[in-house]
Amino acid sequence: MGYEPKQEVIHSVELFHDYIRDGRIKLKEKIKVPTTVQDPCNVVRNGGLAEKNRRLAEMISEDFRPMKKHGNYNYCCAGGGGAMPMGGEMKKDRLAAGKVKADQIRETGAKLVLVPCHNCIDQIRDLIKEYKIDAKAVHFKEVIAEKMEIPEEMLPKEEEE
């Protein structure tokens, strides 16, 4: 029998996707630079969020460029499964194993890689640096926080003197 949470728990990809789709989050503007999206193994293959991950990226981007292999067929970044915190010799192996991901990113021509996983983002940032890719990796939440409209009633009030 296991622990039953008192509230439903969903991944941020699903939450952001549904909120933007339903108009609960409105964007002032979309991302202008070419974007692509990382399909993390745990979020996409284990979590079943391939479609929502891609649609979320498309909803917030003017110029979305999918990787040739995407969704359940995307390549692993090689940073998951406990590999990220391992330093020393393991870092060289991790970066070598991630070259296929670096090549995928470069091939899209994207300047921004949207990443919904904390292990993937660290790995992709390392890959961008190692393989000298002209791009930046960011979490969905960073972009959405920057681009979302804040409802008038939620803006801070000016203090009267």
Protein backbone atom coordinates (compact mmCIF):
# COMPACT_ATOMS: atom_id res chain seq x y z
CA MET A 1 0.00 0.00 0.00
CA GLY A 2 2.28 3.09 0.04
CA TYR A 3 1.91 6.71 0.86
CA GLU A 4 -0.99 8.57 -0.76
CA PRO A 5 -0.32 12.31 -1.14
CA LYS A 6 -3.10 14.65 -0.04
CA GLN A 7 -2.90 16.50 -3.34
CA GLU A 8 -2.31 15.50 -6.94
CA VAL A 9 1.34 15.77 -7.94
CA ILE A 10 2.16 16.53 -11.57
CA HIS A 11 5.33 17.50 -13.41
CA SER A 12 5.92 21.18 -14.18
CA VAL A 13 5.86 20.40 -17.93
CA GLU A 14 2.26 19.26 -17.60
CA LEU A 15 1.30 22.16 -15.34
CA PHE A 16 2.84 24.84 -17.59
CA HIS A 17 1.44 23.21 -20.74
CA ASP A 18 -2.09 23.03 -19.36
CA TYR A 19 -2.02 26.52 -17.81
CA ILE A 20 -0.80 28.17 -21.04
CA ARG A 21 -3.17 26.10 -23.19
CA ASP A 22 -6.12 27.03 -20.96
CA GLY A 23 -5.17 30.72 -20.70
CA ARG A 24 -4.38 30.60 -16.97
CA ILE A 25 -0.89 31.79 -17.86
CA LYS A 26 -0.69 34.36 -20.64
CA LEU A 27 2.56 35.36 -22.31
CA LYS A 28 3.50 38.95 -23.20
CA GLU A 29 5.48 37.56 -26.11
CA LYS A 30 7.05 34.37 -27.37
CA ILE A 31 10.75 33.58 -27.48
CA LYS A 32 12.15 35.20 -30.61
CA VAL A 33 15.40 33.25 -31.07
CA PRO A 34 15.39 29.74 -32.57
CA THR A 35 14.65 27.13 -29.89
CA THR A 36 14.75 23.39 -29.49
CA VAL A 37 13.75 21.16 -26.59
CA GLN A 38 15.45 18.40 -24.64
CA ASP A 39 13.34 15.29 -24.06
CA PRO A 40 14.62 14.00 -20.71
CA CYS A 41 14.50 10.23 -20.28
CA ASN A 42 12.66 10.41 -16.97
CA VAL A 43 10.15 13.10 -18.01
CA VAL A 44 9.44 11.79 -21.51
CA ARG A 45 9.91 8.02 -21.57
CA ASN A 46 9.17 7.31 -17.90
CA GLY A 47 6.72 10.16 -17.36
CA GLY A 48 4.85 9.96 -20.67
CA LEU A 49 5.14 13.69 -21.35
CA ALA A 50 6.69 13.65 -24.85
CA GLU A 51 3.74 15.42 -26.52
CA LYS A 52 3.20 18.01 -23.81
CA ASN A 53 6.94 18.72 -23.61
CA ARG A 54 7.08 19.44 -27.35
CA ARG A 55 3.79 21.36 -27.47
CA LEU A 56 4.89 23.52 -24.53
CA ALA A 57 8.09 24.39 -26.40
CA GLU A 58 6.05 25.24 -29.51
CA MET A 59 3.58 27.37 -27.51
CA ILE A 60 6.31 29.62 -26.11
CA SER A 61 8.57 29.83 -29.20
CA GLU A 62 8.23 31.72 -32.47
CA ASP A 63 10.89 29.58 -34.16
CA PHE A 64 10.78 26.06 -32.71
CA ARG A 65 13.19 23.57 -34.28
CA PRO A 66 12.72 19.95 -33.24
CA MET A 67 15.68 17.61 -33.11
CA LYS A 68 15.57 14.95 -35.85
CA LYS A 69 15.09 12.25 -33.24
CA HIS A 70 12.63 13.56 -30.66
CA GLY A 71 10.11 12.49 -28.06
CA ASN A 72 10.52 8.87 -27.04
CA TYR A 73 13.24 8.45 -29.69
CA ASN A 74 15.45 11.36 -28.64
CA TYR A 75 18.98 10.59 -27.53
CA CYS A 76 19.85 10.66 -23.85
CA CYS A 77 22.03 13.61 -22.83
CA ALA A 78 24.22 11.21 -20.76
CA GLY A 79 23.83 13.27 -17.59
CA GLY A 80 21.13 11.31 -15.77
CA GLY A 81 21.14 8.23 -13.60
CA GLY A 82 23.50 9.78 -11.08
CA ALA A 83 26.20 10.68 -13.65
CA MET A 84 26.03 14.48 -13.15
CA PRO A 85 27.51 14.71 -9.64
CA MET A 86 30.39 12.38 -10.51
CA GLY A 87 33.55 14.33 -11.24
CA GLY A 88 37.06 13.38 -12.15
CA GLU A 89 37.44 10.78 -14.86
CA MET A 90 33.67 10.29 -15.05
CA LYS A 91 33.20 13.85 -16.32
CA LYS A 92 35.31 13.09 -19.41
CA ASP A 93 33.25 9.95 -20.07
CA ARG A 94 29.99 11.85 -19.52
CA LEU A 95 31.00 14.56 -21.98
CA ALA A 96 32.16 12.01 -24.55
CA ALA A 97 28.90 10.07 -24.22
CA GLY A 98 26.96 13.32 -24.63
CA LYS A 99 28.56 14.23 -27.96
CA VAL A 100 25.60 12.75 -29.85
CA LYS A 101 23.33 15.18 -27.93
CA ALA A 102 25.69 18.08 -28.65
CA ASP A 103 25.59 17.23 -32.36
CA GLN A 104 21.77 17.08 -32.24
CA ILE A 105 21.57 20.53 -30.68
CA ARG A 106 24.06 22.04 -33.12
CA GLU A 107 22.18 20.54 -36.09
CA THR A 108 18.96 22.41 -35.14
CA GLY A 109 20.67 25.81 -35.24
CA ALA A 110 18.79 26.69 -32.05
CA LYS A 111 20.14 29.43 -29.83
CA LEU A 112 18.07 28.33 -26.85
CA VAL A 113 17.58 24.78 -25.56
CA LEU A 114 14.51 24.40 -23.35
CA VAL A 115 15.17 21.79 -20.67
CA PRO A 116 12.71 20.50 -18.05
CA CYS A 117 15.19 18.40 -16.02
CA HIS A 118 17.83 19.59 -13.54
CA ASN A 119 20.31 16.82 -14.49
CA CYS A 120 19.85 17.42 -18.22
CA ILE A 121 20.31 21.18 -17.93
CA ASP A 122 23.63 20.81 -16.13
CA GLN A 123 24.81 18.24 -18.68
CA ILE A 124 23.63 20.29 -21.66
CA ARG A 125 25.34 23.40 -20.29
CA ASP A 126 28.54 21.36 -19.97
CA LEU A 127 28.09 20.01 -23.52
CA ILE A 128 27.50 23.51 -24.94
CA LYS A 129 30.74 24.66 -23.34
CA GLU A 130 32.75 21.52 -24.24
CA TYR A 131 31.64 21.41 -27.88
CA LYS A 132 31.54 25.21 -28.35
CA ILE A 133 27.88 25.41 -29.39
CA ASP A 134 26.42 28.89 -29.84
CA ALA A 135 23.40 28.26 -27.63
CA LYS A 136 22.16 28.55 -24.07
CA ALA A 137 20.20 26.01 -22.01
CA VAL A 138 17.33 27.21 -19.80
CA HIS A 139 14.51 25.68 -17.80
CA PHE A 140 10.97 26.23 -19.05
CA LYS A 141 10.21 27.96 -15.74
CA GLU A 142 12.89 30.62 -16.36
CA VAL A 143 11.46 31.60 -19.73
CA ILE A 144 7.85 31.44 -18.63
CA ALA A 145 8.54 33.60 -15.55
CA GLU A 146 10.25 36.17 -17.79
CA LYS A 147 7.59 36.19 -20.53
CA MET A 148 4.33 35.80 -18.58
CA GLU A 149 1.81 38.56 -18.03
CA ILE A 150 1.28 39.42 -14.39
CA PRO A 151 -2.40 40.16 -13.70
CA GLU A 152 -3.03 43.74 -12.54
CA GLU A 153 -4.36 42.59 -9.16
CA MET A 154 -1.11 40.71 -8.49
CA LEU A 155 1.25 43.59 -9.20
CA PRO A 156 2.83 45.26 -6.13
CA LYS A 157 1.03 48.41 -5.07
CA GLU A 158 2.85 51.72 -4.98
CA GLU A 159 3.39 52.84 -1.41
CA GLU A 160 1.79 56.15 -0.57
CA GLU A 161 3.98 58.69 1.19
